[in-house]
C-alpha cells in the first residue's frame, strides 16, 4: 500500500467521491471482506460488493486474499493507498491554468500554481510507480509569524531576490543531459480549523 496515490482518471475520481465509497476506502486501510464491511457501514453485503467492484475496477482497492467459507469464497480487499489526491487532469477541460502572466499577489494564481504542482508531481509519481523508481523531489514546509504587513512584504521581496540569485547560479541552459526542475515557493496565511480564515487584504 502506498502512503498516497494520485487519481488521474475522471471515472476513478467520480467513484472515489461517492460518500459511501469514500467511507469504504477509509475502512479498507486495513484488509477486510464485504461481510466485515457491511457490519461496519450498515449496508447489505450485496450492496457493499457492488461498491467494491466499482472501486476495484478503477484500481482504488486490490485483492489481498481469497478465503473459502463453506460454499462461498470470501474476497479480502485493501485500499491501494492510505490516502488519495485527485489530479486536475481528472478535470482536464476546466482545470486551472498557471501559464498566464503571473500576478504574485493573486491568491487565485497561487491556487493555479498549486494545481499544476499536484498535476505534475502526480504524473511523476504515476510514471515512477510503473518504472518502480523514486522521484527526485525536495520540499520544505515552514511557518513564520509576521509582526506587520510591512514585514511580510519585506520577507516576500527578500525571498524573491534570494531565489532569483540561487536560480541564476545553478541554471545551465546548455548543460548536456541536464533536466529542468520547477521551483515553487508559496506564502499564504495559516488556516486555523474552527476559526474565521478570511485573509486580510492589507
Protein backbone atom coordinates (compact mmCIF):
# COMPACT_ATOMS: atom_id res chain seq x y z
CA UNK A 1 0.00 0.00 0.00
CA UNK A 2 1.26 3.47 -0.91
CA UNK A 3 1.10 6.36 1.57
CA UNK A 4 -0.61 8.47 -1.07
CA UNK A 5 -1.87 7.83 -4.60
CA UNK A 6 -2.88 10.20 -7.38
CA UNK A 7 -6.19 9.78 -9.20
CA UNK A 8 -5.95 10.99 -12.80
CA UNK A 9 -8.85 9.13 -14.39
CA UNK A 10 -12.20 11.04 -14.30
CA UNK A 11 -14.21 7.86 -13.71
CA UNK A 12 -11.94 6.85 -10.81
CA UNK A 13 -12.29 10.34 -9.34
CA UNK A 14 -16.08 10.07 -9.58
CA UNK A 15 -16.00 6.68 -7.87
CA UNK A 16 -13.81 7.94 -5.04
CA UNK A 17 -16.05 10.97 -4.38
CA UNK A 18 -19.16 8.91 -3.74
CA UNK A 19 -19.67 9.25 0.06
CA UNK A 20 -20.17 5.53 0.71
CA UNK A 21 -17.25 4.52 -1.50
CA UNK A 22 -15.05 7.09 0.22
CA UNK A 23 -16.10 5.56 3.55
CA UNK A 24 -15.23 2.07 2.27
CA UNK A 25 -11.84 3.30 1.07
CA UNK A 26 -11.14 4.64 4.55
CA UNK A 27 -12.25 1.35 6.14
CA UNK A 28 -10.00 -0.57 3.76
CA UNK A 29 -6.82 0.97 5.13
CA UNK A 30 -6.80 -2.47 6.75
CA UNK A 31 -7.81 -5.59 4.77
CA UNK A 32 -11.47 -6.55 5.09
CA UNK A 33 -14.16 -8.57 3.33
CA UNK A 34 -17.56 -7.38 2.13
CA UNK A 35 -19.17 -9.15 5.10
CA UNK A 36 -16.91 -7.34 7.57
CA UNK A 37 -17.50 -4.00 5.87
CA UNK A 38 -21.27 -4.47 5.73
CA UNK A 39 -21.41 -4.69 9.51
CA UNK A 40 -19.27 -1.54 9.88
CA UNK A 41 -21.09 0.72 7.43
CA UNK A 42 -24.63 -0.58 7.88
CA UNK A 43 -25.25 -1.82 4.33
CA UNK A 44 -26.28 -5.18 2.94
CA UNK A 45 -23.31 -7.30 1.84
CA UNK A 46 -24.59 -7.33 -1.76
CA UNK A 47 -24.64 -3.53 -1.83
CA UNK A 48 -21.13 -3.37 -0.36
CA UNK A 49 -19.96 -5.81 -3.03
CA UNK A 50 -21.43 -3.53 -5.71
CA UNK A 51 -19.38 -0.58 -4.40
CA UNK A 52 -16.25 -2.72 -4.00
CA UNK A 53 -16.44 -3.87 -7.62
CA UNK A 54 -16.55 -0.25 -8.76
CA UNK A 55 -13.56 0.69 -6.60
CA UNK A 56 -11.60 -2.36 -7.78
CA UNK A 57 -12.41 -1.61 -11.41
CA UNK A 58 -10.71 1.78 -11.05
CA UNK A 59 -7.66 0.46 -9.20
CA UNK A 60 -8.56 2.06 -5.86
CA UNK A 61 -8.65 -1.25 -3.99
CA UNK A 62 -6.92 -4.57 -4.57
CA UNK A 63 -7.38 -8.22 -3.69
CA UNK A 64 -5.28 -9.38 -0.73
CA UNK A 65 -6.50 -12.95 -0.41
CA UNK A 66 -9.42 -15.28 -1.01
CA UNK A 67 -10.83 -17.37 1.83
CA UNK A 68 -13.06 -20.39 1.40
CA UNK A 69 -16.01 -20.45 3.82
CA UNK A 70 -18.25 -23.41 3.13
CA UNK A 71 -19.62 -22.97 -0.38
CA UNK A 72 -18.63 -19.30 -0.52
CA UNK A 73 -15.31 -17.74 -1.48
CA UNK A 74 -14.74 -14.59 0.56
CA UNK A 75 -12.57 -11.94 -1.08
CA UNK A 76 -10.45 -9.82 1.27
CA UNK A 77 -9.72 -6.38 -0.16
CA UNK A 78 -7.45 -3.49 0.77
CA UNK A 79 -7.13 0.10 -0.44
CA UNK A 80 -4.19 0.66 -2.77
CA UNK A 81 -3.19 3.75 -0.76
CA UNK A 82 -3.71 5.25 2.68
CA UNK A 83 -4.90 8.49 1.08
CA UNK A 84 -5.68 9.86 -2.36
CA UNK A 85 -5.29 13.14 -4.23
CA UNK A 86 -7.36 13.93 -7.31
CA UNK A 87 -5.19 15.44 -10.03
CA UNK A 88 -6.51 18.40 -12.05
CA UNK A 89 -6.00 16.10 -15.05
CA UNK A 90 -9.24 14.39 -13.98
CA UNK A 91 -10.98 17.71 -14.78
CA UNK A 92 -8.87 18.48 -17.82
CA UNK A 93 -11.48 20.64 -19.56
CA UNK A 94 -11.79 23.03 -16.62
CA UNK A 95 -8.52 22.62 -14.76
CA UNK A 96 -6.82 25.89 -13.73
CA UNK A 97 -4.01 27.14 -15.94
CA UNK A 98 -0.99 28.95 -14.49
CA UNK A 99 0.65 29.80 -17.81
CA UNK A 100 -0.96 33.25 -17.88
CA UNK A 101 1.21 36.24 -16.89
CA UNK A 102 1.85 35.76 -13.17
CA UNK A 103 0.32 38.01 -10.53
CA UNK A 104 2.44 37.16 -7.50
CA UNK A 105 -0.10 38.75 -5.15
CA UNK A 106 -3.11 36.85 -6.52
CA UNK A 107 -4.40 34.02 -4.35
CA UNK A 108 -6.15 32.54 -7.39
CA UNK A 109 -2.92 32.48 -9.40
CA UNK A 110 -1.29 30.77 -6.41
CA UNK A 111 -4.09 28.20 -6.50
CA UNK A 112 -3.47 27.62 -10.22
CA UNK A 113 0.25 27.09 -9.50
CA UNK A 114 -0.63 24.66 -6.71
CA UNK A 115 -2.95 22.76 -9.06
CA UNK A 116 -0.16 22.48 -11.63
CA UNK A 117 2.13 21.21 -8.86
CA UNK A 118 -0.36 18.48 -7.96
CA UNK A 119 -0.77 17.60 -11.64
CA UNK A 120 2.94 17.49 -12.43
CA UNK A 121 4.06 15.63 -9.30
CA UNK A 122 1.10 13.29 -9.65
CA UNK A 123 2.19 12.41 -13.19
CA UNK A 124 5.77 11.89 -12.00
CA UNK A 125 4.62 9.58 -9.19
CA UNK A 126 2.44 7.58 -11.58
CA UNK A 127 5.33 7.14 -14.00
CA UNK A 128 7.78 6.31 -11.24
CA UNK A 129 5.43 3.68 -9.82
CA UNK A 130 5.22 2.00 -13.20
CA UNK A 131 9.02 2.02 -13.52
CA UNK A 132 9.45 1.07 -9.84
CA UNK A 133 11.66 4.08 -9.23
CA UNK A 134 11.67 7.06 -6.88
CA UNK A 135 11.03 10.65 -7.92
CA UNK A 136 13.83 13.14 -7.14
CA UNK A 137 11.94 15.86 -5.26
CA UNK A 138 12.58 18.19 -2.34
CA UNK A 139 10.11 20.13 -0.18
CA UNK A 140 10.20 22.43 2.81
CA UNK A 141 7.14 23.33 4.89
CA UNK A 142 7.65 26.13 7.43
CA UNK A 143 5.64 28.69 9.36
CA UNK A 144 6.54 32.30 10.06
CA UNK A 145 4.62 34.84 12.16
CA UNK A 146 4.95 38.41 10.88
CA UNK A 147 4.63 41.38 13.19
CA UNK A 148 3.14 43.51 10.42
CA UNK A 149 2.11 43.59 6.77
CA UNK A 150 5.26 45.59 6.11
CA UNK A 151 7.40 42.77 7.47
CA UNK A 152 5.51 40.28 5.34
CA UNK A 153 6.11 42.34 2.20
CA UNK A 154 9.81 42.71 3.04
CA UNK A 155 10.10 38.96 3.60
CA UNK A 156 8.49 38.23 0.23
CA UNK A 157 10.79 40.69 -1.53
CA UNK A 158 13.92 39.23 0.08
CA UNK A 159 12.76 35.68 -0.65
CA UNK A 160 12.21 36.51 -4.32
CA UNK A 161 15.63 38.13 -4.59
CA UNK A 162 17.34 35.18 -2.89
CA UNK A 163 15.61 32.68 -5.16
CA UNK A 164 16.49 34.69 -8.26
CA UNK A 165 20.17 34.69 -7.24
CA UNK A 166 20.14 30.96 -6.47
CA UNK A 167 18.45 30.05 -9.76
CA UNK A 168 20.90 32.25 -11.67
CA UNK A 169 23.82 30.49 -10.00
CA UNK A 170 22.75 26.94 -10.84
CA UNK A 171 20.70 27.24 -14.05
CA UNK A 172 22.66 25.97 -17.05
CA UNK A 173 20.69 26.24 -20.27
CA UNK A 174 23.28 24.35 -22.30
CA UNK A 175 24.17 21.54 -19.87
CA UNK A 176 24.34 18.25 -21.83
CA UNK A 177 22.00 15.70 -20.29
CA UNK A 178 20.63 18.29 -17.89
CA UNK A 179 17.00 18.15 -16.76
CA UNK A 180 14.82 21.12 -15.93
CA UNK A 181 13.26 21.28 -12.48
CA UNK A 182 10.42 23.53 -11.33
CA UNK A 183 10.78 25.53 -8.12
CA UNK A 184 7.55 26.59 -6.41
CA UNK A 185 7.52 28.78 -3.31
CA UNK A 186 4.26 29.89 -1.75
CA UNK A 187 3.34 32.18 1.12
CA UNK A 188 -0.21 32.32 2.48
CA UNK A 189 -1.96 32.92 5.80
CA UNK A 190 -2.16 29.85 8.00
CA UNK A 191 -5.51 28.06 8.08
CA UNK A 192 -6.76 27.54 11.63
CA UNK A 193 -9.55 24.93 12.00
CA UNK A 194 -12.74 26.21 13.54
CA UNK A 195 -11.96 29.91 13.13
CA UNK A 196 -12.63 32.65 10.59
CA UNK A 197 -9.90 32.13 7.99
CA UNK A 198 -10.73 35.13 5.83
CA UNK A 199 -7.39 36.52 4.66
CA UNK A 200 -6.61 40.18 5.31
CA UNK A 201 -6.13 42.30 2.21
CA UNK A 202 -3.51 44.67 3.66
